[in-house]
Each structure stands twice: as C-alpha cells, then as structure tokens.
C-alpha cells in the first residue's frame, strides 16, 4: 500500500490495536480449534472433529488477511507467538473437562464465534468513515462470523446464552 493510500486510511492507534487484537484472536482460535479437533473423542467426535479442523483453517485464513492489512497500514503483527497473549481478547476458550461432551465443545466454539463478532463489529465501526479497505475486510469477517454463530446455534438446536467463568 502506498503512502497516499496509507494517509487516506487514517489508521488510528485504536484501529491498529483492534486489528492486532483480531489477528491475535484468530491465531488463538486456529490453535484452539486444531487442538480440540484432535482431543475430542467418543461416538459423536468424528463429525465435530471435522468441523473443528475446518474452523481451524478458516481462523488461520482470517489471521492471514488481518496480517496483510496490518502490513498494508505500515505496521506489523506481533512478531513472537508469546506476544499474542498480550494483544488478544482476554477471554479463554472454555472447552468442557470431558471432551466427549460435544454439546459443551460446540458451546465453547459458539462463545468464541461471539467474541469474533464483537471484535469484527468494533473493527467495522472504527473504519466506517475513513478506511474503506479495512471496513470491507471487517464486513467480510463479520459476515463469516455471524454465519458461523448461526451454524453453531443450529447444531446445538437452540440459541445458547453467553458462557461465564473460566
């Protein structure tokens, strides 16, 4: 992205922080879904593991798109994995203790999707008036996250409330 395009984007520190937070969250989502895909077990595990592997790939793709936007805006994503925790949303992935509990696993994924929705909505609002490229990215990511929330609620058979605790 050239100098003029960067100037026109007027990327505020808050916008850059939100982009970085979204990037870190997607890396954690990638890891969490990847881990859960390999850790779930029981009769119902194979289709859920497949869903989690797919979601892991989607999260990695989202992280790539967010990293590209950060680079275009003249900054970089956190260079070390250890720095992702400082940049990410402070909300743990709440897998159930019993990894045969597919309802609990799906609720944890639903909760993570809702965290993404909040982050992408904030990114959309921050970029609405002056950065159409980031706004377009945020809208695309938000659209995907909303569809994923609906998919999780459909699999659960009910609209689940927000999860609490650690």
N, C-alpha and C. Protein backbone atom coordinates (compact mmCIF):
# COMPACT_ATOMS: atom_id res chain seq x y z
N UNK A 1 0.86 -1.16 0.00
CA UNK A 1 0.00 0.00 0.00
C UNK A 1 0.90 1.22 0.00
N UNK A 2 0.60 2.16 -0.85
CA UNK A 2 1.43 3.33 -0.98
C UNK A 2 1.19 4.38 0.09
N UNK A 3 2.01 5.40 0.03
CA UNK A 3 1.98 6.48 1.02
C UNK A 3 0.62 7.18 1.04
N UNK A 4 0.12 7.56 -0.14
CA UNK A 4 -1.16 8.27 -0.19
C UNK A 4 -2.29 7.40 0.36
N UNK A 5 -2.33 6.14 -0.02
CA UNK A 5 -3.38 5.25 0.47
C UNK A 5 -3.32 5.11 1.98
N UNK A 6 -2.12 5.03 2.55
CA UNK A 6 -1.97 4.95 4.00
C UNK A 6 -2.46 6.24 4.67
N UNK A 7 -2.12 7.38 4.06
CA UNK A 7 -2.57 8.66 4.62
C UNK A 7 -4.09 8.76 4.58
N UNK A 8 -4.70 8.33 3.48
CA UNK A 8 -6.15 8.40 3.35
C UNK A 8 -6.85 7.46 4.32
N UNK A 9 -6.22 6.35 4.65
CA UNK A 9 -6.83 5.39 5.57
C UNK A 9 -6.95 5.97 6.98
N UNK A 10 -6.06 6.86 7.35
CA UNK A 10 -6.09 7.49 8.68
C UNK A 10 -6.25 6.45 9.78
N UNK A 11 -5.40 5.46 9.76
CA UNK A 11 -5.47 4.38 10.75
C UNK A 11 -5.10 4.90 12.13
N UNK A 12 -6.09 5.01 12.97
CA UNK A 12 -5.87 5.48 14.34
C UNK A 12 -5.18 4.38 15.16
N UNK A 13 -4.55 4.77 16.26
CA UNK A 13 -3.98 3.75 17.14
C UNK A 13 -5.03 2.74 17.60
N UNK A 14 -6.25 3.19 17.84
CA UNK A 14 -7.32 2.29 18.28
C UNK A 14 -7.67 1.29 17.18
N UNK A 15 -7.70 1.75 15.94
CA UNK A 15 -7.97 0.85 14.81
C UNK A 15 -6.86 -0.18 14.68
N UNK A 16 -5.62 0.26 14.76
CA UNK A 16 -4.49 -0.67 14.65
C UNK A 16 -4.49 -1.67 15.80
N UNK A 17 -4.82 -1.21 17.00
CA UNK A 17 -4.90 -2.12 18.16
C UNK A 17 -6.00 -3.16 17.96
N UNK A 18 -7.12 -2.73 17.40
CA UNK A 18 -8.23 -3.66 17.17
C UNK A 18 -7.87 -4.66 16.08
N UNK A 19 -7.19 -4.20 15.03
CA UNK A 19 -6.71 -5.12 14.00
C UNK A 19 -5.75 -6.15 14.60
N UNK A 20 -4.85 -5.67 15.44
CA UNK A 20 -3.88 -6.57 16.08
C UNK A 20 -4.59 -7.55 17.01
N UNK A 21 -5.59 -7.07 17.75
CA UNK A 21 -6.35 -7.95 18.65
C UNK A 21 -7.07 -9.02 17.84
N UNK A 22 -7.69 -8.62 16.73
CA UNK A 22 -8.38 -9.59 15.88
C UNK A 22 -7.41 -10.62 15.34
N UNK A 23 -6.24 -10.17 14.92
CA UNK A 23 -5.19 -11.08 14.42
C UNK A 23 -4.81 -12.09 15.51
N UNK A 24 -4.55 -11.61 16.72
CA UNK A 24 -4.15 -12.49 17.82
C UNK A 24 -5.28 -13.46 18.16
N UNK A 25 -6.50 -12.97 18.19
CA UNK A 25 -7.64 -13.83 18.49
C UNK A 25 -7.77 -14.95 17.46
N UNK A 26 -7.53 -14.64 16.19
CA UNK A 26 -7.65 -15.66 15.16
C UNK A 26 -6.55 -16.70 15.27
N UNK A 27 -5.35 -16.29 15.69
CA UNK A 27 -4.29 -17.27 15.92
C UNK A 27 -4.67 -18.20 17.06
N UNK A 28 -5.24 -17.64 18.13
CA UNK A 28 -5.67 -18.49 19.24
C UNK A 28 -6.82 -19.39 18.81
N UNK A 29 -7.74 -18.87 18.02
CA UNK A 29 -8.85 -19.70 17.52
C UNK A 29 -8.30 -20.85 16.69
N UNK A 30 -7.35 -20.54 15.81
CA UNK A 30 -6.73 -21.59 15.00
C UNK A 30 -6.16 -22.68 15.89
N UNK A 31 -5.38 -22.30 16.87
CA UNK A 31 -4.77 -23.28 17.76
C UNK A 31 -5.84 -24.05 18.55
N UNK A 32 -6.79 -23.31 19.14
CA UNK A 32 -7.80 -23.95 19.98
C UNK A 32 -8.64 -24.96 19.19
N UNK A 33 -9.06 -24.58 17.99
CA UNK A 33 -9.86 -25.49 17.16
C UNK A 33 -9.01 -26.69 16.73
N UNK A 34 -7.75 -26.44 16.38
CA UNK A 34 -6.85 -27.52 15.97
C UNK A 34 -6.66 -28.51 17.12
N UNK A 35 -6.40 -27.96 18.31
CA UNK A 35 -6.24 -28.81 19.49
C UNK A 35 -7.51 -29.62 19.75
N UNK A 36 -8.64 -28.94 19.78
CA UNK A 36 -9.90 -29.60 20.09
C UNK A 36 -10.24 -30.66 19.05
N UNK A 37 -9.93 -30.41 17.79
CA UNK A 37 -10.20 -31.39 16.73
C UNK A 37 -9.48 -32.70 16.99
N UNK A 38 -8.32 -32.62 17.62
CA UNK A 38 -7.54 -33.82 17.89
C UNK A 38 -7.81 -34.39 19.28
N UNK A 39 -8.43 -33.62 20.15
CA UNK A 39 -8.64 -34.06 21.52
C UNK A 39 -10.04 -34.63 21.78
N UNK A 40 -11.04 -34.20 21.00
CA UNK A 40 -12.39 -34.72 21.23
C UNK A 40 -12.42 -36.21 20.94
N UNK A 41 -13.28 -36.91 21.66
CA UNK A 41 -13.39 -38.34 21.45
C UNK A 41 -14.79 -38.81 21.80
N UNK A 42 -15.08 -40.00 21.40
CA UNK A 42 -16.41 -40.57 21.63
C UNK A 42 -17.12 -40.79 20.31
N UNK A 43 -18.32 -41.36 20.41
CA UNK A 43 -19.09 -41.70 19.21
C UNK A 43 -19.37 -40.52 18.30
N UNK A 44 -19.69 -39.37 18.87
CA UNK A 44 -20.07 -38.20 18.08
C UNK A 44 -18.87 -37.35 17.66
N UNK A 45 -17.68 -37.77 18.02
CA UNK A 45 -16.49 -36.94 17.79
C UNK A 45 -16.12 -36.75 16.32
N UNK A 46 -16.18 -37.77 15.46
CA UNK A 46 -15.67 -37.58 14.09
C UNK A 46 -16.26 -36.39 13.33
N UNK A 47 -17.59 -36.19 13.30
CA UNK A 47 -18.07 -35.02 12.56
C UNK A 47 -17.70 -33.69 13.24
N UNK A 48 -17.66 -33.69 14.56
CA UNK A 48 -17.28 -32.47 15.28
C UNK A 48 -15.80 -32.18 15.05
N UNK A 49 -14.97 -33.21 15.04
CA UNK A 49 -13.54 -33.02 14.75
C UNK A 49 -13.36 -32.44 13.35
N UNK A 50 -14.13 -32.91 12.39
CA UNK A 50 -14.06 -32.37 11.03
C UNK A 50 -14.45 -30.90 11.00
N UNK A 51 -15.51 -30.56 11.72
CA UNK A 51 -15.94 -29.16 11.82
C UNK A 51 -14.84 -28.31 12.43
N UNK A 52 -14.22 -28.81 13.49
CA UNK A 52 -13.16 -28.05 14.15
C UNK A 52 -11.93 -27.88 13.26
N UNK A 53 -11.59 -28.90 12.49
CA UNK A 53 -10.47 -28.76 11.54
C UNK A 53 -10.79 -27.69 10.50
N UNK A 54 -12.02 -27.69 10.01
CA UNK A 54 -12.43 -26.66 9.03
C UNK A 54 -12.33 -25.27 9.67
N UNK A 55 -12.85 -25.14 10.88
CA UNK A 55 -12.82 -23.84 11.56
C UNK A 55 -11.39 -23.40 11.86
N UNK A 56 -10.51 -24.35 12.14
CA UNK A 56 -9.10 -24.03 12.36
C UNK A 56 -8.50 -23.40 11.10
N UNK A 57 -8.80 -23.99 9.96
CA UNK A 57 -8.30 -23.43 8.69
C UNK A 57 -8.87 -22.06 8.39
N UNK A 58 -10.15 -21.87 8.70
CA UNK A 58 -10.79 -20.57 8.49
C UNK A 58 -10.12 -19.52 9.37
N UNK A 59 -9.85 -19.86 10.63
CA UNK A 59 -9.21 -18.92 11.54
C UNK A 59 -7.82 -18.55 11.06
N UNK A 60 -7.08 -19.52 10.55
CA UNK A 60 -5.75 -19.23 10.02
C UNK A 60 -5.84 -18.31 8.81
N UNK A 61 -6.82 -18.54 7.95
CA UNK A 61 -7.04 -17.66 6.79
C UNK A 61 -7.38 -16.24 7.25
N UNK A 62 -8.22 -16.13 8.25
CA UNK A 62 -8.57 -14.80 8.77
C UNK A 62 -7.33 -14.09 9.33
N UNK A 63 -6.50 -14.83 10.05
CA UNK A 63 -5.27 -14.25 10.59
C UNK A 63 -4.39 -13.74 9.46
N UNK A 64 -4.30 -14.50 8.38
CA UNK A 64 -3.51 -14.07 7.21
C UNK A 64 -4.06 -12.77 6.63
N UNK A 65 -5.36 -12.68 6.46
CA UNK A 65 -5.99 -11.47 5.91
C UNK A 65 -5.76 -10.25 6.82
N UNK A 66 -5.86 -10.48 8.12
CA UNK A 66 -5.63 -9.39 9.08
C UNK A 66 -4.16 -8.98 9.09
N UNK A 67 -3.25 -9.94 8.98
CA UNK A 67 -1.82 -9.62 8.93
C UNK A 67 -1.51 -8.78 7.69
N UNK A 68 -2.09 -9.15 6.57
CA UNK A 68 -1.86 -8.39 5.34
C UNK A 68 -2.34 -6.95 5.50
N UNK A 69 -3.48 -6.77 6.15
CA UNK A 69 -3.99 -5.41 6.33
C UNK A 69 -3.09 -4.61 7.28
N UNK A 70 -2.62 -5.23 8.34
CA UNK A 70 -1.69 -4.54 9.23
C UNK A 70 -0.44 -4.11 8.47
N UNK A 71 0.10 -4.99 7.65
CA UNK A 71 1.28 -4.66 6.86
C UNK A 71 0.99 -3.53 5.87
N UNK A 72 -0.17 -3.57 5.24
CA UNK A 72 -0.54 -2.51 4.31
C UNK A 72 -0.62 -1.16 5.00
N UNK A 73 -1.02 -1.17 6.26
CA UNK A 73 -1.15 0.08 7.01
C UNK A 73 0.17 0.52 7.64
N UNK A 74 1.24 -0.19 7.34
CA UNK A 74 2.56 0.24 7.77
C UNK A 74 2.99 -0.26 9.13
N UNK A 75 2.34 -1.26 9.64
CA UNK A 75 2.73 -1.84 10.92
C UNK A 75 2.86 -3.35 10.73
N UNK A 76 3.21 -4.04 11.79
CA UNK A 76 3.37 -5.49 11.68
C UNK A 76 2.57 -6.17 12.78
N UNK A 77 2.15 -7.40 12.53
CA UNK A 77 1.55 -8.18 13.61
C UNK A 77 2.60 -8.50 14.66
N UNK A 78 2.20 -8.95 15.84
CA UNK A 78 3.19 -9.32 16.85
C UNK A 78 4.17 -10.35 16.26
N UNK A 79 5.46 -10.09 16.36
CA UNK A 79 6.44 -10.98 15.72
C UNK A 79 6.68 -12.29 16.45
N UNK A 80 6.31 -12.37 17.73
CA UNK A 80 6.54 -13.59 18.51
C UNK A 80 5.21 -14.14 19.01
N UNK A 81 5.09 -15.46 18.98
CA UNK A 81 3.87 -16.08 19.47
C UNK A 81 3.59 -15.69 20.92
N UNK A 82 4.64 -15.53 21.70
CA UNK A 82 4.47 -15.17 23.11
C UNK A 82 3.81 -13.79 23.27
N UNK A 83 3.89 -12.95 22.25
CA UNK A 83 3.29 -11.61 22.32
C UNK A 83 1.80 -11.62 21.98
N UNK A 84 1.32 -12.72 21.43
CA UNK A 84 -0.09 -12.78 21.04
C UNK A 84 -1.02 -12.68 22.26
N UNK A 85 -0.60 -13.25 23.37
CA UNK A 85 -1.45 -13.21 24.57
C UNK A 85 -1.72 -11.77 25.02
N UNK A 86 -0.73 -10.91 24.89
CA UNK A 86 -0.90 -9.51 25.28
C UNK A 86 -1.84 -8.77 24.33
N UNK A 87 -1.86 -9.17 23.07
CA UNK A 87 -2.68 -8.48 22.07
C UNK A 87 -4.11 -9.02 22.01
N UNK A 88 -4.32 -10.26 22.42
CA UNK A 88 -5.61 -10.93 22.25
C UNK A 88 -6.65 -10.47 23.25
N UNK A 89 -7.90 -10.74 22.91
CA UNK A 89 -9.01 -10.54 23.83
C UNK A 89 -8.77 -11.41 25.05
N UNK A 90 -9.00 -10.86 26.21
CA UNK A 90 -8.77 -11.60 27.45
C UNK A 90 -10.01 -12.44 27.78
N UNK A 91 -10.20 -13.50 26.97
CA UNK A 91 -11.34 -14.38 27.19
C UNK A 91 -10.92 -15.79 26.80
N UNK A 92 -10.82 -16.68 27.78
CA UNK A 92 -10.31 -18.02 27.47
C UNK A 92 -11.32 -18.85 26.67
N UNK A 93 -10.80 -19.79 25.92
CA UNK A 93 -11.59 -20.79 25.20
C UNK A 93 -12.02 -21.81 26.24
N UNK A 94 -13.30 -22.02 26.42
CA UNK A 94 -13.82 -22.79 27.54
C UNK A 94 -14.26 -24.19 27.13
N UNK A 95 -13.32 -25.02 26.76
CA UNK A 95 -13.66 -26.41 26.46
C UNK A 95 -14.14 -27.11 27.74
N UNK A 96 -15.09 -28.02 27.60
CA UNK A 96 -15.51 -28.77 28.79
C UNK A 96 -14.39 -29.72 29.24
N UNK A 97 -14.42 -30.08 30.50
CA UNK A 97 -13.41 -31.01 31.02
C UNK A 97 -13.51 -32.37 30.33
N UNK A 98 -14.74 -32.80 30.06
CA UNK A 98 -14.98 -34.07 29.39
C UNK A 98 -15.06 -33.81 27.89
N UNK A 99 -14.05 -34.22 27.15
CA UNK A 99 -14.01 -33.95 25.72
C UNK A 99 -14.83 -34.94 24.89
N UNK A 100 -15.71 -35.70 25.57
CA UNK A 100 -16.76 -36.45 24.89
C UNK A 100 -18.05 -35.64 24.88
N UNK A 101 -18.07 -34.55 25.60
CA UNK A 101 -19.24 -33.67 25.70
C UNK A 101 -19.29 -32.75 24.47
N UNK A 102 -19.90 -33.24 23.41
CA UNK A 102 -19.92 -32.47 22.15
C UNK A 102 -20.77 -31.21 22.28
N UNK A 103 -21.80 -31.23 23.11
CA UNK A 103 -22.59 -30.02 23.34
C UNK A 103 -21.72 -28.96 23.99
N UNK A 104 -20.93 -29.35 24.96
CA UNK A 104 -20.01 -28.41 25.62
C UNK A 104 -18.97 -27.87 24.66
N UNK A 105 -18.46 -28.73 23.78
CA UNK A 105 -17.47 -28.29 22.78
C UNK A 105 -18.11 -27.27 21.84
N UNK A 106 -19.32 -27.58 21.36
CA UNK A 106 -20.00 -26.65 20.45
C UNK A 106 -20.31 -25.32 21.13
N UNK A 107 -20.66 -25.37 22.42
CA UNK A 107 -20.91 -24.11 23.16
C UNK A 107 -19.63 -23.29 23.28
N UNK A 108 -18.50 -23.95 23.46
CA UNK A 108 -17.22 -23.22 23.53
C UNK A 108 -16.92 -22.56 22.18
N UNK A 109 -17.19 -23.27 21.10
CA UNK A 109 -16.98 -22.71 19.76
C UNK A 109 -17.94 -21.55 19.52
N UNK A 110 -19.18 -21.70 19.93
CA UNK A 110 -20.17 -20.62 19.80
C UNK A 110 -19.71 -19.38 20.56
N UNK A 111 -19.21 -19.59 21.76
CA UNK A 111 -18.72 -18.46 22.55
C UNK A 111 -17.54 -17.76 21.86
N UNK A 112 -16.65 -18.55 21.26
CA UNK A 112 -15.52 -17.97 20.52
C UNK A 112 -16.02 -17.20 19.30
N UNK A 113 -17.02 -17.74 18.61
CA UNK A 113 -17.60 -17.03 17.46
C UNK A 113 -18.17 -15.69 17.89
N UNK A 114 -18.80 -15.65 19.04
CA UNK A 114 -19.39 -14.41 19.52
C UNK A 114 -18.30 -13.39 19.88
N UNK A 115 -17.18 -13.86 20.39
CA UNK A 115 -16.06 -12.96 20.64
C UNK A 115 -15.58 -12.36 19.32
N UNK A 116 -15.49 -13.18 18.29
CA UNK A 116 -15.10 -12.69 16.96
C UNK A 116 -16.09 -11.66 16.44
N UNK A 117 -17.36 -11.93 16.61
CA UNK A 117 -18.39 -10.99 16.15
C UNK A 117 -18.19 -9.63 16.81
N UNK A 118 -17.97 -9.63 18.12
CA UNK A 118 -17.77 -8.35 18.82
C UNK A 118 -16.52 -7.62 18.30
N UNK A 119 -15.44 -8.36 18.10
CA UNK A 119 -14.19 -7.74 17.63
C UNK A 119 -14.35 -7.22 16.21
N UNK A 120 -14.94 -8.00 15.32
CA UNK A 120 -15.10 -7.57 13.93
C UNK A 120 -16.09 -6.41 13.82
N UNK A 121 -17.10 -6.40 14.69
CA UNK A 121 -18.04 -5.28 14.70
C UNK A 121 -17.32 -4.00 15.13
N UNK A 122 -16.47 -4.09 16.14
CA UNK A 122 -15.70 -2.93 16.59
C UNK A 122 -14.78 -2.44 15.47
N UNK A 123 -14.16 -3.37 14.78
CA UNK A 123 -13.28 -3.02 13.66
C UNK A 123 -14.08 -2.34 12.55
N UNK A 124 -15.25 -2.86 12.28
CA UNK A 124 -16.13 -2.27 11.26
C UNK A 124 -16.49 -0.83 11.64
N UNK A 125 -16.88 -0.62 12.89
CA UNK A 125 -17.26 0.72 13.34
C UNK A 125 -16.08 1.70 13.31
N UNK A 126 -14.91 1.25 13.72
CA UNK A 126 -13.73 2.11 13.74
C UNK A 126 -13.28 2.53 12.35
N UNK A 127 -13.56 1.72 11.35
CA UNK A 127 -13.09 2.00 10.00
C UNK A 127 -14.19 2.57 9.09
N UNK A 128 -15.38 2.68 9.59
CA UNK A 128 -16.55 3.04 8.78
C UNK A 128 -16.40 4.34 8.00
N UNK A 129 -15.89 5.38 8.61
CA UNK A 129 -15.93 6.69 7.97
C UNK A 129 -14.68 7.07 7.17
N UNK A 130 -13.58 6.31 7.31
CA UNK A 130 -12.36 6.81 6.68
C UNK A 130 -11.44 5.74 6.09
N UNK A 131 -11.75 4.47 6.26
CA UNK A 131 -10.85 3.44 5.76
C UNK A 131 -11.68 2.34 5.09
N UNK A 132 -12.06 2.56 3.84
CA UNK A 132 -12.96 1.60 3.18
C UNK A 132 -12.36 0.21 3.01
N UNK A 133 -11.05 0.09 2.89
CA UNK A 133 -10.45 -1.23 2.71
C UNK A 133 -10.53 -2.05 4.00
N UNK A 134 -10.20 -1.42 5.12
CA UNK A 134 -10.33 -2.12 6.40
C UNK A 134 -11.80 -2.37 6.69
N UNK A 135 -12.65 -1.43 6.34
CA UNK A 135 -14.09 -1.60 6.55
C UNK A 135 -14.62 -2.78 5.75
N UNK A 136 -14.17 -2.92 4.52
CA UNK A 136 -14.59 -4.04 3.68
C UNK A 136 -14.11 -5.37 4.28
N UNK A 137 -12.87 -5.39 4.75
CA UNK A 137 -12.33 -6.58 5.40
C UNK A 137 -13.15 -6.91 6.64
N UNK A 138 -13.42 -5.90 7.46
CA UNK A 138 -14.19 -6.12 8.69
C UNK A 138 -15.58 -6.65 8.38
N UNK A 139 -16.21 -6.10 7.36
CA UNK A 139 -17.55 -6.55 6.98
C UNK A 139 -17.52 -8.01 6.51
N UNK A 140 -16.52 -8.37 5.75
CA UNK A 140 -16.38 -9.74 5.28
C UNK A 140 -16.17 -10.71 6.45
N UNK A 141 -15.29 -10.34 7.37
CA UNK A 141 -15.02 -11.18 8.54
C UNK A 141 -16.24 -11.26 9.44
N UNK A 142 -16.92 -10.15 9.61
CA UNK A 142 -18.13 -10.10 10.44
C UNK A 142 -19.23 -10.98 9.83
N UNK A 143 -19.39 -10.91 8.53
CA UNK A 143 -20.39 -11.73 7.84
C UNK A 143 -20.12 -13.21 8.08
N UNK A 144 -18.87 -13.61 7.94
CA UNK A 144 -18.50 -15.01 8.17
C UNK A 144 -18.74 -15.43 9.62
N UNK A 145 -18.39 -14.57 10.57
CA UNK A 145 -18.55 -14.90 11.98
C UNK A 145 -20.03 -15.02 12.36
N UNK A 146 -20.86 -14.16 11.79
CA UNK A 146 -22.30 -14.22 12.05
C UNK A 146 -22.87 -15.53 11.51
N UNK A 147 -22.44 -15.92 10.32
CA UNK A 147 -22.90 -17.19 9.74
C UNK A 147 -22.44 -18.37 10.59
N UNK A 148 -21.24 -18.29 11.14
CA UNK A 148 -20.72 -19.36 11.99
C UNK A 148 -21.51 -19.44 13.29
N UNK A 149 -21.87 -18.29 13.86
CA UNK A 149 -22.69 -18.30 15.07
C UNK A 149 -24.02 -19.00 14.78
N UNK A 150 -24.62 -18.68 13.67
CA UNK A 150 -25.89 -19.30 13.29
C UNK A 150 -25.73 -20.82 13.10
N UNK A 151 -24.61 -21.23 12.48
CA UNK A 151 -24.34 -22.65 12.29
C UNK A 151 -24.21 -23.36 13.64
N UNK A 152 -23.49 -22.76 14.58
CA UNK A 152 -23.31 -23.39 15.89
C UNK A 152 -24.65 -23.49 16.63
N UNK A 153 -25.45 -22.42 16.58
CA UNK A 153 -26.76 -22.45 17.23
C UNK A 153 -27.64 -23.52 16.60
N UNK A 154 -27.55 -23.67 15.29
CA UNK A 154 -28.32 -24.70 14.58
C UNK A 154 -27.89 -26.10 15.03
N UNK A 155 -26.59 -26.33 15.13
CA UNK A 155 -26.09 -27.62 15.58
C UNK A 155 -26.50 -27.92 17.02
N UNK A 156 -26.53 -26.87 17.84
CA UNK A 156 -26.93 -27.04 19.23
C UNK A 156 -28.44 -27.19 19.36
N UNK A 157 -29.17 -26.71 18.37
CA UNK A 157 -30.62 -26.81 18.40
C UNK A 157 -31.29 -25.74 19.22
N UNK A 158 -30.52 -24.77 19.67
CA UNK A 158 -31.08 -23.70 20.50
C UNK A 158 -30.13 -22.52 20.50
N UNK A 159 -30.67 -21.37 20.78
CA UNK A 159 -29.83 -20.18 20.96
C UNK A 159 -29.27 -20.25 22.38
N UNK A 160 -27.98 -20.45 22.49
CA UNK A 160 -27.35 -20.60 23.80
C UNK A 160 -26.95 -19.26 24.38
N UNK A 161 -27.09 -19.10 25.69
CA UNK A 161 -26.63 -17.86 26.30
C UNK A 161 -25.13 -17.78 26.33
N UNK A 162 -24.61 -16.60 26.62
CA UNK A 162 -23.17 -16.40 26.76
C UNK A 162 -22.63 -17.29 27.87
N UNK A 163 -21.40 -17.76 27.69
CA UNK A 163 -20.76 -18.56 28.72
C UNK A 163 -20.10 -17.63 29.72
N UNK A 164 -20.01 -18.07 30.96
CA UNK A 164 -19.35 -17.28 32.00
C UNK A 164 -18.30 -18.15 32.67
N UNK A 165 -17.45 -17.52 33.43
CA UNK A 165 -16.43 -18.26 34.17
C UNK A 165 -15.19 -18.49 33.33
N UNK A 166 -14.29 -19.32 33.83
CA UNK A 166 -13.06 -19.62 33.12
C UNK A 166 -13.03 -21.03 32.64
